[in-house]
Amino acid sequence: QGQLDESGGGLVQAGSSLRLSCAASGRNISDYNMAWYRQAPGKEREIVASISWSGANINYATYSVKHRFTIIRDNAKNTLYLQMNSLEPEDAAMYYCNSGYRNGTYYFNWGPGTQVTVSS
């Protein structure tokens, strides 16, 4: 399986922006639908946004995320991005990337994640 390394998180004030990056190795993200996930303390990991292998189909988990976040893939750099604008305290979580869940599996090992903390 491939490896993932997320970065770009941090402590920001509400209303700020962050750009998360997810660098893949060992496998090409171009072969997979990819997604960003997040897990807040005491909660299950949830999908935030997904993008098809070609980039033609993009989905966001909620109306709020759809109008503030943008998922981007650069297959040439084997990297996935999440541009997050107008951050809210509810967005605070550990953010991860991976493939979409298919055939009972994810196609990359989970990376360490990147922590996003939003102060009000």
Protein backbone atom coordinates (compact mmCIF):
# COMPACT_ATOMS: atom_id res chain seq x y z
CA GLN A 1 0.00 0.00 0.00
CA GLY A 2 1.00 3.59 -0.50
CA GLN A 3 1.96 6.09 2.15
CA LEU A 4 0.50 9.50 2.90
CA ASP A 5 1.92 12.52 4.67
CA GLU A 6 -0.44 15.35 5.59
CA SER A 7 0.72 18.86 6.43
CA GLY A 8 -0.44 22.46 6.63
CA GLY A 9 -2.55 22.40 9.77
CA GLY A 10 -2.19 24.85 12.63
CA LEU A 11 -3.83 27.08 15.19
CA VAL A 12 -5.82 29.88 13.60
CA GLN A 13 -8.56 32.31 14.50
CA ALA A 14 -12.11 31.86 13.27
CA GLY A 15 -12.48 33.32 9.81
CA SER A 16 -8.93 32.44 8.77
CA SER A 17 -7.75 30.17 5.97
CA LEU A 18 -5.50 27.14 5.79
CA ARG A 19 -4.29 25.01 2.92
CA LEU A 20 -3.70 21.38 3.75
CA SER A 21 -1.43 19.18 1.65
CA CYS A 22 -1.25 15.42 1.36
CA ALA A 23 1.83 14.00 -0.32
CA ALA A 24 1.53 10.40 -1.48
CA SER A 25 4.27 7.88 -2.14
CA GLY A 26 4.38 4.27 -3.17
CA ARG A 27 1.22 4.57 -5.25
CA ASN A 28 -0.09 7.10 -7.72
CA ILE A 29 -3.13 9.04 -6.57
CA SER A 30 -4.09 9.33 -10.24
CA ASP A 31 -5.35 5.75 -10.04
CA TYR A 32 -7.84 6.52 -7.28
CA ASN A 33 -10.69 8.66 -6.18
CA MET A 34 -9.28 10.57 -3.22
CA ALA A 35 -10.79 12.23 -0.18
CA TRP A 36 -10.12 14.31 2.90
CA TYR A 37 -11.39 13.05 6.24
CA ARG A 38 -11.41 14.57 9.70
CA GLN A 39 -11.80 13.32 13.23
CA ALA A 40 -12.65 15.53 16.17
CA PRO A 41 -12.03 14.39 19.76
CA GLY A 42 -14.63 11.85 20.85
CA LYS A 43 -16.10 11.54 17.38
CA GLU A 44 -15.85 9.11 14.51
CA ARG A 45 -13.73 9.92 11.49
CA GLU A 46 -15.90 11.52 8.82
CA ILE A 47 -15.44 12.34 5.18
CA VAL A 48 -15.09 16.03 4.35
CA ALA A 49 -14.67 16.09 0.58
CA SER A 50 -13.91 13.71 -2.26
CA ILE A 51 -12.61 14.05 -5.79
CA SER A 52 -12.65 11.52 -8.60
CA TRP A 53 -9.44 10.28 -10.19
CA SER A 54 -9.85 12.71 -13.10
CA GLY A 55 -11.01 15.61 -10.98
CA ALA A 56 -14.28 15.77 -12.87
CA ASN A 57 -16.48 14.82 -9.92
CA ILE A 58 -16.21 16.57 -6.57
CA ASN A 59 -18.41 16.12 -3.56
CA TYR A 60 -18.54 17.83 -0.18
CA ALA A 61 -20.04 16.33 2.93
CA THR A 62 -22.09 19.32 4.01
CA TYR A 63 -23.49 22.56 2.67
CA SER A 64 -21.22 24.50 5.00
CA VAL A 65 -18.06 22.75 3.82
CA LYS A 66 -19.09 23.03 0.19
CA HIS A 67 -19.15 26.81 0.38
CA ARG A 68 -15.90 27.22 2.31
CA PHE A 69 -13.57 24.36 1.32
CA THR A 70 -12.05 23.34 -2.01
CA ILE A 71 -10.51 19.94 -2.70
CA ILE A 72 -7.80 19.96 -5.35
CA ARG A 73 -5.63 17.22 -6.77
CA ASP A 74 -2.33 17.53 -8.61
CA ASN A 75 -1.69 14.10 -10.08
CA ALA A 76 1.64 15.21 -11.53
CA LYS A 77 2.87 16.04 -8.01
CA ASN A 78 1.06 13.04 -6.49
CA THR A 79 -0.45 15.47 -4.01
CA LEU A 80 -3.94 16.24 -2.73
CA TYR A 81 -4.89 19.62 -1.26
CA LEU A 82 -7.71 21.06 0.81
CA GLN A 83 -8.14 24.81 0.73
CA MET A 84 -10.15 25.84 3.78
CA ASN A 85 -11.55 29.36 4.05
CA SER A 86 -13.68 31.05 6.70
CA LEU A 87 -12.70 28.45 9.27
CA GLU A 88 -15.08 27.90 12.17
CA PRO A 89 -14.42 26.38 15.61
CA GLU A 90 -16.49 23.37 14.48
CA ASP A 91 -13.84 22.64 11.84
CA ALA A 92 -11.26 21.83 14.50
CA ALA A 93 -10.10 18.25 14.07
CA MET A 94 -7.29 16.03 12.90
CA TYR A 95 -7.41 15.98 9.12
CA TYR A 96 -6.40 12.96 7.03
CA CYS A 97 -6.41 12.08 3.37
CA ASN A 98 -6.84 8.70 1.73
CA SER A 99 -8.52 7.07 -1.20
CA GLY A 100 -12.23 6.65 -1.24
CA TYR A 101 -13.46 3.55 0.55
CA ARG A 102 -13.94 0.86 -2.09
CA ASN A 103 -14.20 -2.91 -2.08
CA GLY A 104 -13.88 -2.90 1.69
CA THR A 105 -10.58 -1.09 1.83
CA TYR A 106 -8.65 2.13 1.56
CA TYR A 107 -5.74 1.99 -0.84
CA PHE A 108 -3.18 3.88 1.22
CA ASN A 109 -1.97 3.45 4.76
CA TRP A 110 -3.33 6.20 6.99
CA GLY A 111 -0.85 9.00 7.54
CA PRO A 112 -0.24 10.86 10.79
CA GLY A 113 -2.79 13.54 9.95
CA THR A 114 -2.49 17.26 10.44
CA GLN A 115 -4.13 19.08 13.34
CA VAL A 116 -6.42 22.04 12.71
CA THR A 117 -7.37 24.14 15.72
CA VAL A 118 -9.68 27.13 15.38
CA SER A 119 -10.08 29.68 18.15
CA SER A 120 -13.25 31.73 18.41
